[in-house]
Amino acid sequence: LLSLDARLAEGWGVTVGDTVTLDILGRD
């Protein structure tokens, strides 16, 4: 799970329940 900055989420158009994919050490 992920906890996100509300202002960044607003800029990204992301809300609770959405999925964010991060590249961590070469893995998505």
PDB file of all heavy atoms in Angstrom:
ATOM      1  N   LEU A   1       0.841  -1.188   0.000  1.00  0.00           N
ATOM      2  CA  LEU A   1       0.000   0.000   0.000  1.00  0.00           C
ATOM      3  C   LEU A   1       0.881   1.244   0.000  1.00  0.00           C
ATOM      4  O   LEU A   1       2.066   1.191   0.314  1.00  0.00           O
ATOM      5  CB  LEU A   1      -0.930   0.012   1.219  1.00  0.00           C
ATOM      6  CG  LEU A   1      -1.894  -1.173   1.360  1.00  0.00           C
ATOM      7  CD1 LEU A   1      -2.706  -1.050   2.634  1.00  0.00           C
ATOM      8  CD2 LEU A   1      -2.812  -1.282   0.144  1.00  0.00           C
ATOM      9  N   LEU A   2       0.256   2.359  -0.315  1.00  0.00           N
ATOM     10  CA  LEU A   2       1.013   3.610  -0.435  1.00  0.00           C
ATOM     11  C   LEU A   2       0.224   4.741   0.205  1.00  0.00           C
ATOM     12  O   LEU A   2      -0.992   4.859   0.018  1.00  0.00           O
ATOM     13  CB  LEU A   2       1.266   3.940  -1.914  1.00  0.00           C
ATOM     14  CG  LEU A   2       2.089   5.198  -2.217  1.00  0.00           C
ATOM     15  CD1 LEU A   2       3.523   5.011  -1.752  1.00  0.00           C
ATOM     16  CD2 LEU A   2       2.051   5.502  -3.715  1.00  0.00           C
ATOM     17  N   SER A   3       0.921   5.554   0.983  1.00  0.00           N
ATOM     18  CA  SER A   3       0.361   6.805   1.505  1.00  0.00           C
ATOM     19  C   SER A   3       1.023   7.947   0.752  1.00  0.00           C
ATOM     20  O   SER A   3       2.249   8.037   0.693  1.00  0.00           O
ATOM     21  CB  SER A   3       0.614   6.936   3.005  1.00  0.00           C
ATOM     22  OG  SER A   3       0.093   8.159   3.485  1.00  0.00           O
ATOM     23  N   LEU A   4       0.195   8.842   0.188  1.00  0.00           N
ATOM     24  CA  LEU A   4       0.692   9.831  -0.762  1.00  0.00           C
ATOM     25  C   LEU A   4       0.378  11.234  -0.264  1.00  0.00           C
ATOM     26  O   LEU A   4      -0.643  11.466   0.403  1.00  0.00           O
ATOM     27  CB  LEU A   4       0.039   9.594  -2.124  1.00  0.00           C
ATOM     28  CG  LEU A   4       0.567  10.342  -3.349  1.00  0.00           C
ATOM     29  CD1 LEU A   4       2.031  10.010  -3.600  1.00  0.00           C
ATOM     30  CD2 LEU A   4      -0.268  10.004  -4.574  1.00  0.00           C
ATOM     31  N   ASP A   5       1.260  12.176  -0.608  1.00  0.00           N
ATOM     32  CA  ASP A   5       1.010  13.585  -0.310  1.00  0.00           C
ATOM     33  C   ASP A   5      -0.243  14.042  -1.073  1.00  0.00           C
ATOM     34  O   ASP A   5      -0.373  13.830  -2.283  1.00  0.00           O
ATOM     35  CB  ASP A   5       2.221  14.421  -0.732  1.00  0.00           C
ATOM     36  CG  ASP A   5       2.011  15.906  -0.498  1.00  0.00           C
ATOM     37  OD1 ASP A   5       1.114  16.267   0.275  1.00  0.00           O
ATOM     38  OD2 ASP A   5       2.737  16.706  -1.115  1.00  0.00           O
ATOM     39  N   ALA A   6      -1.186  14.673  -0.360  1.00  0.00           N
ATOM     40  CA  ALA A   6      -2.467  15.038  -0.965  1.00  0.00           C
ATOM     41  C   ALA A   6      -2.294  16.024  -2.116  1.00  0.00           C
ATOM     42  O   ALA A   6      -2.999  15.935  -3.130  1.00  0.00           O
ATOM     43  CB  ALA A   6      -3.399  15.613   0.099  1.00  0.00           C
ATOM     44  N   ARG A   7      -1.367  16.957  -1.982  1.00  0.00           N
ATOM     45  CA  ARG A   7      -1.175  17.936  -3.054  1.00  0.00           C
ATOM     46  C   ARG A   7      -0.569  17.297  -4.292  1.00  0.00           C
ATOM     47  O   ARG A   7      -0.936  17.623  -5.425  1.00  0.00           O
ATOM     48  CB  ARG A   7      -0.297  19.083  -2.553  1.00  0.00           C
ATOM     49  CG  ARG A   7      -0.961  19.927  -1.474  1.00  0.00           C
ATOM     50  CD  ARG A   7      -0.064  21.045  -1.005  1.00  0.00           C
ATOM     51  NE  ARG A   7      -0.726  21.876   0.005  1.00  0.00           N
ATOM     52  CZ  ARG A   7      -0.133  22.877   0.640  1.00  0.00           C
ATOM     53  NH1 ARG A   7       1.137  23.164   0.373  1.00  0.00           N
ATOM     54  NH2 ARG A   7      -0.793  23.579   1.547  1.00  0.00           N
ATOM     55  N   LEU A   8       0.367  16.384  -4.088  1.00  0.00           N
ATOM     56  CA  LEU A   8       0.939  15.675  -5.223  1.00  0.00           C
ATOM     57  C   LEU A   8      -0.122  14.806  -5.896  1.00  0.00           C
ATOM     58  O   LEU A   8      -0.186  14.722  -7.129  1.00  0.00           O
ATOM     59  CB  LEU A   8       2.115  14.818  -4.760  1.00  0.00           C
ATOM     60  CG  LEU A   8       2.833  14.016  -5.852  1.00  0.00           C
ATOM     61  CD1 LEU A   8       3.451  14.947  -6.882  1.00  0.00           C
ATOM     62  CD2 LEU A   8       3.888  13.107  -5.240  1.00  0.00           C
ATOM     63  N   ALA A   9      -0.951  14.152  -5.079  1.00  0.00           N
ATOM     64  CA  ALA A   9      -2.020  13.326  -5.643  1.00  0.00           C
ATOM     65  C   ALA A   9      -2.992  14.173  -6.460  1.00  0.00           C
ATOM     66  O   ALA A   9      -3.471  13.740  -7.522  1.00  0.00           O
ATOM     67  CB  ALA A   9      -2.760  12.604  -4.516  1.00  0.00           C
ATOM     68  N   GLU A  10      -3.277  15.377  -5.990  1.00  0.00           N
ATOM     69  CA  GLU A  10      -4.153  16.265  -6.748  1.00  0.00           C
ATOM     70  C   GLU A  10      -3.536  16.632  -8.093  1.00  0.00           C
ATOM     71  O   GLU A  10      -4.219  16.673  -9.121  1.00  0.00           O
ATOM     72  CB  GLU A  10      -4.439  17.528  -5.933  1.00  0.00           C
ATOM     73  CG  GLU A  10      -5.363  18.518  -6.624  1.00  0.00           C
ATOM     74  CD  GLU A  10      -5.567  19.778  -5.804  1.00  0.00           C
ATOM     75  OE1 GLU A  10      -5.012  19.870  -4.679  1.00  0.00           O
ATOM     76  OE2 GLU A  10      -6.281  20.689  -6.281  1.00  0.00           O
ATOM     77  N   GLY A  11      -2.228  16.910  -8.083  1.00  0.00           N
ATOM     78  CA  GLY A  11      -1.562  17.236  -9.341  1.00  0.00           C
ATOM     79  C   GLY A  11      -1.494  16.053 -10.293  1.00  0.00           C
ATOM     80  O   GLY A  11      -1.588  16.225 -11.515  1.00  0.00           O
ATOM     81  N   TRP A  12      -1.345  14.857  -9.756  1.00  0.00           N
ATOM     82  CA  TRP A  12      -1.289  13.655 -10.589  1.00  0.00           C
ATOM     83  C   TRP A  12      -2.672  13.179 -11.021  1.00  0.00           C
ATOM     84  O   TRP A  12      -2.780  12.317 -11.900  1.00  0.00           O
ATOM     85  CB  TRP A  12      -0.594  12.523  -9.823  1.00  0.00           C
ATOM     86  CG  TRP A  12       0.894  12.666  -9.777  1.00  0.00           C
ATOM     87  CD1 TRP A  12       1.650  13.647 -10.335  1.00  0.00           C
ATOM     88  CD2 TRP A  12       1.808  11.786  -9.117  1.00  0.00           C
ATOM     89  NE1 TRP A  12       2.984  13.450 -10.067  1.00  0.00           N
ATOM     90  CE2 TRP A  12       3.109  12.310  -9.324  1.00  0.00           C
ATOM     91  CE3 TRP A  12       1.664  10.630  -8.375  1.00  0.00           C
ATOM     92  CZ2 TRP A  12       4.252  11.701  -8.816  1.00  0.00           C
ATOM     93  CZ3 TRP A  12       2.799  10.018  -7.866  1.00  0.00           C
ATOM     94  CH2 TRP A  12       4.086  10.554  -8.089  1.00  0.00           C
ATOM     95  N   GLY A  13      -3.706  13.677 -10.343  1.00  0.00           N
ATOM     96  CA  GLY A  13      -5.040  13.160 -10.619  1.00  0.00           C
ATOM     97  C   GLY A  13      -5.272  11.789 -10.015  1.00  0.00           C
ATOM     98  O   GLY A  13      -6.023  10.977 -10.554  1.00  0.00           O
ATOM     99  N   VAL A  14      -4.622  11.531  -8.871  1.00  0.00           N
ATOM    100  CA  VAL A  14      -4.703  10.226  -8.203  1.00  0.00           C
ATOM    101  C   VAL A  14      -5.528  10.372  -6.942  1.00  0.00           C
ATOM    102  O   VAL A  14      -5.441  11.386  -6.234  1.00  0.00           O
ATOM    103  CB  VAL A  14      -3.289   9.704  -7.867  1.00  0.00           C
ATOM    104  CG1 VAL A  14      -3.367   8.399  -7.092  1.00  0.00           C
ATOM    105  CG2 VAL A  14      -2.487   9.508  -9.142  1.00  0.00           C
ATOM    106  N   THR A  15      -6.324   9.363  -6.629  1.00  0.00           N
ATOM    107  CA  THR A  15      -7.110   9.376  -5.409  1.00  0.00           C
ATOM    108  C   THR A  15      -7.000   8.017  -4.724  1.00  0.00           C
ATOM    109  O   THR A  15      -6.330   7.095  -5.226  1.00  0.00           O
ATOM    110  CB  THR A  15      -8.581   9.699  -5.706  1.00  0.00           C
ATOM    111  OG1 THR A  15      -9.307   9.824  -4.469  1.00  0.00           O
ATOM    112  CG2 THR A  15      -9.216   8.615  -6.556  1.00  0.00           C
ATOM    113  N   VAL A  16      -7.645   7.884  -3.567  1.00  0.00           N
ATOM    114  CA  VAL A  16      -7.596   6.634  -2.809  1.00  0.00           C
ATOM    115  C   VAL A  16      -8.207   5.496  -3.636  1.00  0.00           C
ATOM    116  O   VAL A  16      -9.270   5.643  -4.239  1.00  0.00           O
ATOM    117  CB  VAL A  16      -8.342   6.797  -1.479  1.00  0.00           C
ATOM    118  CG1 VAL A  16      -8.416   5.461  -0.739  1.00  0.00           C
ATOM    119  CG2 VAL A  16      -7.648   7.824  -0.607  1.00  0.00           C
ATOM    120  N   GLY A  17      -7.510   4.360  -3.675  1.00  0.00           N
ATOM    121  CA  GLY A  17      -7.962   3.218  -4.450  1.00  0.00           C
ATOM    122  C   GLY A  17      -7.260   3.067  -5.784  1.00  0.00           C
ATOM    123  O   GLY A  17      -7.287   1.977  -6.376  1.00  0.00           O
ATOM    124  N   ASP A  18      -6.627   4.143  -6.280  1.00  0.00           N
ATOM    125  CA  ASP A  18      -5.879   4.046  -7.536  1.00  0.00           C
ATOM    126  C   ASP A  18      -4.553   3.322  -7.305  1.00  0.00           C
ATOM    127  O   ASP A  18      -4.097   3.156  -6.163  1.00  0.00           O
ATOM    128  CB  ASP A  18      -5.621   5.436  -8.115  1.00  0.00           C
ATOM    129  CG  ASP A  18      -6.909   6.114  -8.573  1.00  0.00           C
ATOM    130  OD1 ASP A  18      -7.912   5.398  -8.735  1.00  0.00           O
ATOM    131  OD2 ASP A  18      -6.908   7.347  -8.748  1.00  0.00           O
ATOM    132  N   THR A  19      -3.914   2.946  -8.402  1.00  0.00           N
ATOM    133  CA  THR A  19      -2.649   2.222  -8.336  1.00  0.00           C
ATOM    134  C   THR A  19      -1.532   3.056  -8.943  1.00  0.00           C
ATOM    135  O   THR A  19      -1.702   3.630 -10.026  1.00  0.00           O
ATOM    136  CB  THR A  19      -2.746   0.873  -9.076  1.00  0.00           C
ATOM    137  OG1 THR A  19      -3.773   0.091  -8.460  1.00  0.00           O
ATOM    138  CG2 THR A  19      -1.435   0.111  -9.007  1.00  0.00           C
ATOM    139  N   VAL A  20      -0.418   3.131  -8.235  1.00  0.00           N
ATOM    140  CA  VAL A  20       0.758   3.852  -8.700  1.00  0.00           C
ATOM    141  C   VAL A  20       1.887   2.843  -8.868  1.00  0.00           C
ATOM    142  O   VAL A  20       2.165   2.043  -7.963  1.00  0.00           O
ATOM    143  CB  VAL A  20       1.171   4.951  -7.700  1.00  0.00           C
ATOM    144  CG1 VAL A  20       2.448   5.638  -8.161  1.00  0.00           C
ATOM    145  CG2 VAL A  20       0.058   5.980  -7.544  1.00  0.00           C
ATOM    146  N   THR A  21       2.530   2.854 -10.030  1.00  0.00           N
ATOM    147  CA  THR A  21       3.639   1.938 -10.302  1.00  0.00           C
ATOM    148  C   THR A  21       4.962   2.673 -10.145  1.00  0.00           C
ATOM    149  O   THR A  21       5.191   3.702 -10.775  1.00  0.00           O
ATOM    150  CB  THR A  21       3.532   1.359 -11.722  1.00  0.00           C
ATOM    151  OG1 THR A  21       2.285   0.676 -11.859  1.00  0.00           O
ATOM    152  CG2 THR A  21       4.671   0.383 -11.995  1.00  0.00           C
ATOM    153  N   LEU A  22       5.835   2.144  -9.282  1.00  0.00           N
ATOM    154  CA  LEU A  22       7.135   2.754  -9.012  1.00  0.00           C
ATOM    155  C   LEU A  22       8.252   1.822  -9.476  1.00  0.00           C
ATOM    156  O   LEU A  22       8.144   0.589  -9.340  1.00  0.00           O
ATOM    157  CB  LEU A  22       7.294   3.029  -7.518  1.00  0.00           C
ATOM    158  CG  LEU A  22       6.262   3.955  -6.866  1.00  0.00           C
ATOM    159  CD1 LEU A  22       6.555   4.100  -5.380  1.00  0.00           C
ATOM    160  CD2 LEU A  22       6.244   5.311  -7.532  1.00  0.00           C
ATOM    161  N   ASP A  23       9.291   2.411 -10.012  1.00  0.00           N
ATOM    162  CA  ASP A  23      10.489   1.666 -10.406  1.00  0.00           C
ATOM    163  C   ASP A  23      11.445   1.680  -9.219  1.00  0.00           C
ATOM    164  O   ASP A  23      12.065   2.690  -8.906  1.00  0.00           O
ATOM    165  CB  ASP A  23      11.124   2.313 -11.637  1.00  0.00           C
ATOM    166  CG  ASP A  23      12.328   1.521 -12.151  1.00  0.00           C
ATOM    167  OD1 ASP A  23      12.835   0.665 -11.395  1.00  0.00           O
ATOM    168  OD2 ASP A  23      12.745   1.768 -13.289  1.00  0.00           O
ATOM    169  N   ILE A  24      11.546   0.555  -8.540  1.00  0.00           N
ATOM    170  CA  ILE A  24      12.387   0.435  -7.346  1.00  0.00           C
ATOM    171  C   ILE A  24      13.486  -0.573  -7.637  1.00  0.00           C
ATOM    172  O   ILE A  24      13.221  -1.777  -7.821  1.00  0.00           O
ATOM    173  CB  ILE A  24      11.559   0.003  -6.122  1.00  0.00           C
ATOM    174  CG1 ILE A  24      10.429   1.005  -5.873  1.00  0.00           C
ATOM    175  CG2 ILE A  24      12.447  -0.126  -4.889  1.00  0.00           C
ATOM    176  CD1 ILE A  24       9.515   0.635  -4.737  1.00  0.00           C
ATOM    177  N   LEU A  25      14.724  -0.102  -7.726  1.00  0.00           N
ATOM    178  CA  LEU A  25      15.892  -0.941  -7.990  1.00  0.00           C
ATOM    179  C   LEU A  25      15.696  -1.773  -9.259  1.00  0.00           C
ATOM    180  O   LEU A  25      16.040  -2.954  -9.311  1.00  0.00           O
ATOM    181  CB  LEU A  25      16.179  -1.852  -6.792  1.00  0.00           C
ATOM    182  CG  LEU A  25      16.503  -1.147  -5.468  1.00  0.00           C
ATOM    183  CD1 LEU A  25      16.697  -2.153  -4.343  1.00  0.00           C
ATOM    184  CD2 LEU A  25      17.725  -0.265  -5.622  1.00  0.00           C
ATOM    185  N   GLY A  26      15.108  -1.141 -10.295  1.00  0.00           N
ATOM    186  CA  GLY A  26      14.939  -1.817 -11.573  1.00  0.00           C
ATOM    187  C   GLY A  26      13.702  -2.671 -11.680  1.00  0.00           C
ATOM    188  O   GLY A  26      13.458  -3.284 -12.723  1.00  0.00           O
ATOM    189  N   ARG A  27      12.875  -2.728 -10.652  1.00  0.00           N
ATOM    190  CA  ARG A  27      11.640  -3.515 -10.685  1.00  0.00           C
ATOM    191  C   ARG A  27      10.437  -2.586 -10.632  1.00  0.00           C
ATOM    192  O   ARG A  27      10.413  -1.633  -9.848  1.00  0.00           O
ATOM    193  CB  ARG A  27      11.588  -4.493  -9.508  1.00  0.00           C
ATOM    194  CG  ARG A  27      12.647  -5.573  -9.517  1.00  0.00           C
ATOM    195  CD  ARG A  27      12.515  -6.452  -8.292  1.00  0.00           C
ATOM    196  NE  ARG A  27      11.164  -6.992  -8.175  1.00  0.00           N
ATOM    197  CZ  ARG A  27      10.707  -7.617  -7.089  1.00  0.00           C
ATOM    198  NH1 ARG A  27      11.499  -7.768  -6.022  1.00  0.00           N
ATOM    199  NH2 ARG A  27       9.472  -8.087  -7.056  1.00  0.00           N
ATOM    200  N   ASP A  28       9.443  -2.879 -11.467  1.00  0.00           N
ATOM    201  CA  ASP A  28       8.199  -2.118 -11.441  1.00  0.00           C
ATOM    202  C   ASP A  28       7.275  -2.733 -10.401  1.00  0.00           C
ATOM    203  O   ASP A  28       6.860  -3.906 -10.527  1.00  0.00           O
ATOM    204  CB  ASP A  28       7.517  -2.133 -12.816  1.00  0.00           C
ATOM    205  CG  ASP A  28       8.291  -1.323 -13.847  1.00  0.00           C
ATOM    206  OD1 ASP A  28       9.058  -0.440 -13.423  1.00  0.00           O
ATOM    207  OD2 ASP A  28       8.132  -1.580 -15.052  1.00  0.00           O
TER     208      ASP A  28
END
